[in-house]
Amino acid sequence: MSATSAAPGRAPAKVREPLPSRGGKPHTIRIIGGDWKRTPLPVLDLDGLRPTPDRVRETLFNWLGQQLDGQRCLDLFAGSGALGFEAASRGAARVLMVERSGRAVAQLKANQARLAAKNIEIAEADALRLAANMAPNSFDVVFLDPPFGDKPMLERALDLSVPLLAPGGALYVESGDALDVSAIPALAGWRIVREGKAGAVRYHLLRRENEE
């Protein structure tokens, strides 16, 4: 989740990574699979920064088929970059991470440099404004982890993200509540193919109804 846009009064979900230190100092997450498997990456302890838990990432990439060779991925609310770095480690040709917090972006860029990750691009920008100006069919996988509890932001993010997905693309959504596809106009013609729950996190993988 983006570090600057957490829902007011909502505590970050518990995760399996080491407990964060105070005062904005780094703690670490660990890449689970791929070229950089077991590599620890510093993550700032910032309000609203909620890295996707290890077991959720492991499950997600099992659903996606472990390797993402040649695929184009968008991590729209990058935050810690846990999803984007995992995708890049697993062979994605391009991973675009979008994050609004300057401090979080600085940490993302430091981790990118540490990995010498040429397949990662990092944009310091408002996620929704940037997505609104992207070309259709630009990505094969879109990761959405917007602030929990902000239903209008989630629906706007979905509205903007769906056109960005190429045929056969996959949409991953984390939220505080179970996703009701029938209640979201942007998801007409989409279905949840996998879903799960880990603590406060609900996570969903969606594909178009006529695609596997």
C-alpha atoms as a PDB file:
ATOM      1  CA  MET A   1       0.000   0.000   0.000  1.00  0.00           C
ATOM      2  CA  SER A   2       1.073   3.545  -0.676  1.00  0.00           C
ATOM      3  CA  ALA A   3       2.664   5.199   2.314  1.00  0.00           C
ATOM      4  CA  THR A   4       0.792   8.471   1.989  1.00  0.00           C
ATOM      5  CA  SER A   5      -2.784   7.442   1.525  1.00  0.00           C
ATOM      6  CA  ALA A   6      -3.772   5.033   4.303  1.00  0.00           C
ATOM      7  CA  ALA A   7      -7.298   5.343   5.618  1.00  0.00           C
ATOM      8  CA  PRO A   8      -7.403   7.605   8.712  1.00  0.00           C
ATOM      9  CA  GLY A   9      -7.358   5.758  12.004  1.00  0.00           C
ATOM     10  CA  ARG A  10      -6.661   2.375  10.439  1.00  0.00           C
ATOM     11  CA  ALA A  11      -3.687   0.500  11.855  1.00  0.00           C
ATOM     12  CA  PRO A  12      -1.486  -1.373   9.380  1.00  0.00           C
ATOM     13  CA  ALA A  13      -2.268  -5.065   9.016  1.00  0.00           C
ATOM     14  CA  LYS A  14       0.009  -7.473  10.823  1.00  0.00           C
ATOM     15  CA  VAL A  15       2.578  -9.119   8.591  1.00  0.00           C
ATOM     16  CA  ARG A  16       5.120 -11.880   8.929  1.00  0.00           C
ATOM     17  CA  GLU A  17       8.122  -9.688   8.264  1.00  0.00           C
ATOM     18  CA  PRO A  18      10.210  -8.444  11.236  1.00  0.00           C
ATOM     19  CA  LEU A  19       8.535  -5.750  13.306  1.00  0.00           C
ATOM     20  CA  PRO A  20       9.269  -2.236  12.062  1.00  0.00           C
ATOM     21  CA  SER A  21      11.548   0.057  13.946  1.00  0.00           C
ATOM     22  CA  ARG A  22      10.354   3.484  15.042  1.00  0.00           C
ATOM     23  CA  GLY A  23      11.024   6.890  13.593  1.00  0.00           C
ATOM     24  CA  GLY A  24      10.865   5.998   9.912  1.00  0.00           C
ATOM     25  CA  LYS A  25      13.935   3.760  10.004  1.00  0.00           C
ATOM     26  CA  PRO A  26      14.122   0.716   7.741  1.00  0.00           C
ATOM     27  CA  HIS A  27      13.069  -2.792   8.606  1.00  0.00           C
ATOM     28  CA  THR A  28      13.197  -5.563   6.022  1.00  0.00           C
ATOM     29  CA  ILE A  29      11.075  -7.716   3.763  1.00  0.00           C
ATOM     30  CA  ARG A  30      12.429 -10.728   1.942  1.00  0.00           C
ATOM     31  CA  ILE A  31      11.938 -11.740  -1.693  1.00  0.00           C
ATOM     32  CA  ILE A  32      10.402 -15.205  -1.781  1.00  0.00           C
ATOM     33  CA  GLY A  33      11.270 -16.575  -5.221  1.00  0.00           C
ATOM     34  CA  GLY A  34      13.085 -16.055  -8.498  1.00  0.00           C
ATOM     35  CA  ASP A  35      16.535 -14.635  -9.216  1.00  0.00           C
ATOM     36  CA  TRP A  36      16.698 -12.693  -5.948  1.00  0.00           C
ATOM     37  CA  LYS A  37      15.177 -15.359  -3.723  1.00  0.00           C
ATOM     38  CA  ARG A  38      15.822 -14.778   0.004  1.00  0.00           C
ATOM     39  CA  THR A  39      17.255 -11.303  -0.625  1.00  0.00           C
ATOM     40  CA  PRO A  40      16.284  -8.930   2.228  1.00  0.00           C
ATOM     41  CA  LEU A  41      15.238  -5.418   1.245  1.00  0.00           C
ATOM     42  CA  PRO A  42      14.943  -2.447   3.601  1.00  0.00           C
ATOM     43  CA  VAL A  43      11.467  -0.944   3.961  1.00  0.00           C
ATOM     44  CA  LEU A  44      10.762   2.333   5.729  1.00  0.00           C
ATOM     45  CA  ASP A  45       8.496   2.376   8.765  1.00  0.00           C
ATOM     46  CA  LEU A  46       5.998   4.970   7.511  1.00  0.00           C
ATOM     47  CA  ASP A  47       2.349   5.509   8.386  1.00  0.00           C
ATOM     48  CA  GLY A  48       0.158   3.466   6.064  1.00  0.00           C
ATOM     49  CA  LEU A  49       3.018   1.433   4.601  1.00  0.00           C
ATOM     50  CA  ARG A  50       1.757  -2.140   4.741  1.00  0.00           C
ATOM     51  CA  PRO A  51       3.869  -4.679   2.864  1.00  0.00           C
ATOM     52  CA  THR A  52       1.943  -7.610   1.432  1.00  0.00           C
ATOM     53  CA  PRO A  53       2.520 -10.526   3.844  1.00  0.00           C
ATOM     54  CA  ASP A  54       4.947 -13.280   2.859  1.00  0.00           C
ATOM     55  CA  ARG A  55       2.322 -16.004   2.714  1.00  0.00           C
ATOM     56  CA  VAL A  56       0.015 -13.857   0.596  1.00  0.00           C
ATOM     57  CA  ARG A  57       2.807 -13.152  -1.898  1.00  0.00           C
ATOM     58  CA  GLU A  58       3.707 -16.830  -2.007  1.00  0.00           C
ATOM     59  CA  THR A  59       0.086 -17.757  -2.700  1.00  0.00           C
ATOM     60  CA  LEU A  60      -0.340 -15.053  -5.332  1.00  0.00           C
ATOM     61  CA  PHE A  61       2.693 -16.098  -7.337  1.00  0.00           C
ATOM     62  CA  ASN A  62       1.616 -19.725  -7.128  1.00  0.00           C
ATOM     63  CA  TRP A  63      -1.635 -18.591  -8.734  1.00  0.00           C
ATOM     64  CA  LEU A  64       0.254 -16.654 -11.406  1.00  0.00           C
ATOM     65  CA  GLY A  65       2.443 -19.650 -12.213  1.00  0.00           C
ATOM     66  CA  GLN A  66       5.639 -18.802 -10.273  1.00  0.00           C
ATOM     67  CA  GLN A  67       7.489 -17.260 -13.214  1.00  0.00           C
ATOM     68  CA  LEU A  68       6.393 -14.124 -15.055  1.00  0.00           C
ATOM     69  CA  ASP A  69       8.868 -14.392 -17.924  1.00  0.00           C
ATOM     70  CA  GLY A  70       8.451 -11.554 -20.403  1.00  0.00           C
ATOM     71  CA  GLN A  71       5.365 -10.092 -18.760  1.00  0.00           C
ATOM     72  CA  ARG A  72       4.669  -6.388 -18.153  1.00  0.00           C
ATOM     73  CA  CYS A  73       3.556  -5.568 -14.618  1.00  0.00           C
ATOM     74  CA  LEU A  74       2.129  -2.483 -12.939  1.00  0.00           C
ATOM     75  CA  ASP A  75       2.342  -2.036  -9.157  1.00  0.00           C
ATOM     76  CA  LEU A  76       0.039   0.966  -8.915  1.00  0.00           C
ATOM     77  CA  PHE A  77       0.211   1.657  -5.157  1.00  0.00           C
ATOM     78  CA  ALA A  78       3.735   0.353  -4.702  1.00  0.00           C
ATOM     79  CA  GLY A  79       4.494   1.366  -1.108  1.00  0.00           C
ATOM     80  CA  SER A  80       7.236  -1.042  -0.035  1.00  0.00           C
ATOM     81  CA  GLY A  81       7.487  -2.508  -3.531  1.00  0.00           C
ATOM     82  CA  ALA A  82       7.007  -6.034  -2.185  1.00  0.00           C
ATOM     83  CA  LEU A  83       4.829  -7.111  -5.112  1.00  0.00           C
ATOM     84  CA  GLY A  84       6.830  -5.325  -7.786  1.00  0.00           C
ATOM     85  CA  PHE A  85      10.209  -6.610  -6.645  1.00  0.00           C
ATOM     86  CA  GLU A  86       8.792 -10.133  -6.409  1.00  0.00           C
ATOM     87  CA  ALA A  87       7.489  -9.891  -9.985  1.00  0.00           C
ATOM     88  CA  ALA A  88      10.815  -8.552 -11.248  1.00  0.00           C
ATOM     89  CA  SER A  89      12.666 -11.361  -9.486  1.00  0.00           C
ATOM     90  CA  ARG A  90      10.467 -13.876 -11.284  1.00  0.00           C
ATOM     91  CA  GLY A  91      11.343 -12.750 -14.798  1.00  0.00           C
ATOM     92  CA  ALA A  92       8.952  -9.914 -15.618  1.00  0.00           C
ATOM     93  CA  ALA A  93      10.223  -7.922 -18.580  1.00  0.00           C
ATOM     94  CA  ARG A  94       8.980  -4.640 -17.147  1.00  0.00           C
ATOM     95  CA  VAL A  95       7.709  -3.639 -13.713  1.00  0.00           C
ATOM     96  CA  LEU A  96       6.417  -0.114 -13.226  1.00  0.00           C
ATOM     97  CA  MET A  97       6.082   0.891  -9.572  1.00  0.00           C
ATOM     98  CA  VAL A  98       4.026   3.999  -8.817  1.00  0.00           C
ATOM     99  CA  GLU A  99       4.321   5.638  -5.409  1.00  0.00           C
ATOM    100  CA  ARG A 100       3.391   9.093  -4.141  1.00  0.00           C
ATOM    101  CA  SER A 101       5.590   9.344  -1.029  1.00  0.00           C
ATOM    102  CA  GLY A 102       8.992  10.814  -1.809  1.00  0.00           C
ATOM    103  CA  ARG A 103      10.614   8.969   1.092  1.00  0.00           C
ATOM    104  CA  ALA A 104       9.161   5.641   0.004  1.00  0.00           C
ATOM    105  CA  VAL A 105      10.266   6.309  -3.581  1.00  0.00           C
ATOM    106  CA  ALA A 106      13.813   7.005  -2.395  1.00  0.00           C
ATOM    107  CA  GLN A 107      13.845   3.620  -0.638  1.00  0.00           C
ATOM    108  CA  LEU A 108      12.415   1.882  -3.708  1.00  0.00           C
ATOM    109  CA  LYS A 109      15.153   3.390  -5.855  1.00  0.00           C
ATOM    110  CA  ALA A 110      17.826   2.371  -3.363  1.00  0.00           C
ATOM    111  CA  ASN A 111      16.541  -1.214  -3.437  1.00  0.00           C
ATOM    112  CA  GLN A 112      16.380  -1.141  -7.227  1.00  0.00           C
ATOM    113  CA  ALA A 113      20.006  -0.010  -7.357  1.00  0.00           C
ATOM    114  CA  ARG A 114      21.026  -2.677  -4.872  1.00  0.00           C
ATOM    115  CA  LEU A 115      19.525  -5.354  -7.120  1.00  0.00           C
ATOM    116  CA  ALA A 116      20.766  -3.700 -10.331  1.00  0.00           C
ATOM    117  CA  ALA A 117      17.208  -4.279 -11.549  1.00  0.00           C
ATOM    118  CA  LYS A 118      17.013  -2.964 -15.095  1.00  0.00           C
ATOM    119  CA  ASN A 119      13.484  -4.317 -15.553  1.00  0.00           C
ATOM    120  CA  ILE A 120      12.071  -1.985 -12.861  1.00  0.00           C
ATOM    121  CA  GLU A 121      10.857   1.578 -13.397  1.00  0.00           C
ATOM    122  CA  ILE A 122       9.828   3.779 -10.470  1.00  0.00           C
ATOM    123  CA  ALA A 123       7.489   6.747 -10.836  1.00  0.00           C
ATOM    124  CA  GLU A 124       6.911   9.267  -8.060  1.00  0.00           C
ATOM    125  CA  ALA A 125       3.340  10.237  -8.881  1.00  0.00           C
ATOM    126  CA  ASP A 126      -0.292  10.123  -7.880  1.00  0.00           C
ATOM    127  CA  ALA A 127      -1.373   6.626  -8.907  1.00  0.00           C
ATOM    128  CA  LEU A 128      -4.795   7.537 -10.263  1.00  0.00           C
ATOM    129  CA  ARG A 129      -3.613  10.532 -12.263  1.00  0.00           C
ATOM    130  CA  LEU A 130      -0.814   8.538 -13.842  1.00  0.00           C
ATOM    131  CA  ALA A 131      -3.050   5.560 -14.637  1.00  0.00           C
ATOM    132  CA  ALA A 132      -5.556   7.852 -16.325  1.00  0.00           C
ATOM    133  CA  ASN A 133      -2.908   8.803 -18.883  1.00  0.00           C
ATOM    134  CA  MET A 134      -1.510   5.350 -19.654  1.00  0.00           C
ATOM    135  CA  ALA A 135      -2.102   3.592 -22.957  1.00  0.00           C
ATOM    136  CA  PRO A 136      -4.636   0.731 -23.079  1.00  0.00           C
ATOM    137  CA  ASN A 137      -3.339  -2.865 -23.097  1.00  0.00           C
ATOM    138  CA  SER A 138      -0.004  -1.768 -21.599  1.00  0.00           C
ATOM    139  CA  PHE A 139       0.300  -4.514 -18.970  1.00  0.00           C
ATOM    140  CA  ASP A 140      -0.163  -8.232 -18.455  1.00  0.00           C
ATOM    141  CA  VAL A 141      -0.514  -8.046 -14.657  1.00  0.00           C
ATOM    142  CA  VAL A 142      -1.769  -5.155 -12.528  1.00  0.00           C
ATOM    143  CA  PHE A 143      -1.301  -5.198  -8.748  1.00  0.00           C
ATOM    144  CA  LEU A 144      -3.740  -3.007  -6.799  1.00  0.00           C
ATOM    145  CA  ASP A 145      -3.241  -2.457  -3.076  1.00  0.00           C
ATOM    146  CA  PRO A 146      -4.923   0.908  -2.390  1.00  0.00           C
ATOM    147  CA  PRO A 147      -5.700   2.228   1.104  1.00  0.00           C
ATOM    148  CA  PHE A 148      -8.075  -0.056   2.948  1.00  0.00           C
ATOM    149  CA  GLY A 149     -11.474   1.435   3.655  1.00  0.00           C
ATOM    150  CA  ASP A 150     -11.406   3.938   0.797  1.00  0.00           C
ATOM    151  CA  LYS A 151     -14.064   2.373  -1.427  1.00  0.00           C
ATOM    152  CA  PRO A 152     -14.250   5.275  -3.915  1.00  0.00           C
ATOM    153  CA  MET A 153     -10.476   5.118  -4.453  1.00  0.00           C
ATOM    154  CA  LEU A 154     -10.597   1.355  -4.992  1.00  0.00           C
ATOM    155  CA  GLU A 155     -13.421   1.676  -7.502  1.00  0.00           C
ATOM    156  CA  ARG A 156     -11.635   4.479  -9.347  1.00  0.00           C
ATOM    157  CA  ALA A 157      -8.425   2.430  -9.407  1.00  0.00           C
ATOM    158  CA  LEU A 158     -10.319  -0.527 -10.855  1.00  0.00           C
ATOM    159  CA  ASP A 159     -12.005   1.691 -13.439  1.00  0.00           C
ATOM    160  CA  LEU A 160      -8.617   2.961 -14.602  1.00  0.00           C
ATOM    161  CA  SER A 161      -6.758  -0.345 -14.378  1.00  0.00           C
ATOM    162  CA  VAL A 162      -9.082  -2.615 -16.339  1.00  0.00           C
ATOM    163  CA  PRO A 163      -8.382  -0.921 -19.718  1.00  0.00           C
ATOM    164  CA  LEU A 164      -4.644  -1.154 -19.069  1.00  0.00           C
ATOM    165  CA  LEU A 165      -4.713  -4.949 -19.109  1.00  0.00           C
ATOM    166  CA  ALA A 166      -3.907  -6.733 -22.350  1.00  0.00           C
ATOM    167  CA  PRO A 167      -5.957  -9.759 -23.450  1.00  0.00           C
ATOM    168  CA  GLY A 168      -5.228 -12.634 -21.096  1.00  0.00           C
ATOM    169  CA  GLY A 169      -4.131 -10.219 -18.377  1.00  0.00           C
ATOM    170  CA  ALA A 170      -4.559 -10.715 -14.633  1.00  0.00           C
ATOM    171  CA  LEU A 171      -5.743  -8.218 -12.032  1.00  0.00           C
ATOM    172  CA  TYR A 172      -4.698  -8.642  -8.397  1.00  0.00           C
ATOM    173  CA  VAL A 173      -6.560  -6.720  -5.695  1.00  0.00           C
ATOM    174  CA  GLU A 174      -5.928  -6.434  -1.961  1.00  0.00           C
ATOM    175  CA  SER A 175      -8.628  -4.918   0.213  1.00  0.00           C
ATOM    176  CA  GLY A 176     -10.007  -4.882   3.719  1.00  0.00           C
ATOM    177  CA  ASP A 177     -13.262  -6.486   2.590  1.00  0.00           C
ATOM    178  CA  ALA A 178     -14.167  -9.237   0.159  1.00  0.00           C
ATOM    179  CA  LEU A 179     -14.521  -7.927  -3.378  1.00  0.00           C
ATOM    180  CA  ASP A 180     -18.053  -8.043  -4.823  1.00  0.00           C
ATOM    181  CA  VAL A 181     -17.560  -8.072  -8.587  1.00  0.00           C
ATOM    182  CA  SER A 182     -21.290  -7.693  -9.284  1.00  0.00           C
ATOM    183  CA  ALA A 183     -21.372  -4.383  -7.393  1.00  0.00           C
ATOM    184  CA  ILE A 184     -18.486  -2.764  -9.282  1.00  0.00           C
ATOM    185  CA  PRO A 185     -19.341  -1.584 -12.815  1.00  0.00           C
ATOM    186  CA  ALA A 186     -15.694  -1.539 -13.890  1.00  0.00           C
ATOM    187  CA  LEU A 187     -15.525  -5.309 -13.318  1.00  0.00           C
ATOM    188  CA  ALA A 188     -18.377  -6.224 -15.627  1.00  0.00           C
ATOM    189  CA  GLY A 189     -17.130  -9.201 -17.634  1.00  0.00           C
ATOM    190  CA  TRP A 190     -14.534 -10.123 -15.010  1.00  0.00           C
ATOM    191  CA  ARG A 191     -14.532 -12.930 -12.459  1.00  0.00           C
ATOM    192  CA  ILE A 192     -12.568 -13.797  -9.346  1.00  0.00           C
ATOM    193  CA  VAL A 193     -10.584 -16.933 -10.135  1.00  0.00           C
ATOM    194  CA  ARG A 194      -8.798 -17.155  -6.781  1.00  0.00           C
ATOM    195  CA  GLU A 195      -9.229 -15.423  -3.438  1.00  0.00           C
ATOM    196  CA  GLY A 196      -8.075 -15.715   0.143  1.00  0.00           C
ATOM    197  CA  LYS A 197      -7.824 -14.045   3.533  1.00  0.00           C
ATOM    198  CA  ALA A 198      -4.849 -13.470   5.822  1.00  0.00           C
ATOM    199  CA  GLY A 199      -5.572 -11.495   8.961  1.00  0.00           C
ATOM    200  CA  ALA A 200      -7.032  -8.140   7.884  1.00  0.00           C
ATOM    201  CA  VAL A 201      -6.064  -8.716   4.242  1.00  0.00           C
ATOM    202  CA  ARG A 202      -8.483  -9.980   1.603  1.00  0.00           C
ATOM    203  CA  TYR A 203      -6.788 -10.796  -1.676  1.00  0.00           C
ATOM    204  CA  HIS A 204      -8.231 -11.626  -5.068  1.00  0.00           C
ATOM    205  CA  LEU A 205      -7.010 -12.635  -8.519  1.00  0.00           C
ATOM    206  CA  LEU A 206      -9.339 -11.707 -11.377  1.00  0.00           C
ATOM    207  CA  ARG A 207      -9.448 -12.495 -15.088  1.00  0.00           C
ATOM    208  CA  ARG A 208     -11.898 -11.750 -17.867  1.00  0.00           C
ATOM    209  CA  GLU A 209     -14.761 -14.241 -18.021  1.00  0.00           C
ATOM    210  CA  ASN A 210     -13.866 -15.517 -21.503  1.00  0.00           C
ATOM    211  CA  GLU A 211     -10.186 -16.032 -20.664  1.00  0.00           C
ATOM    212  CA  GLU A 212      -8.306 -18.572 -18.628  1.00  0.00           C
END
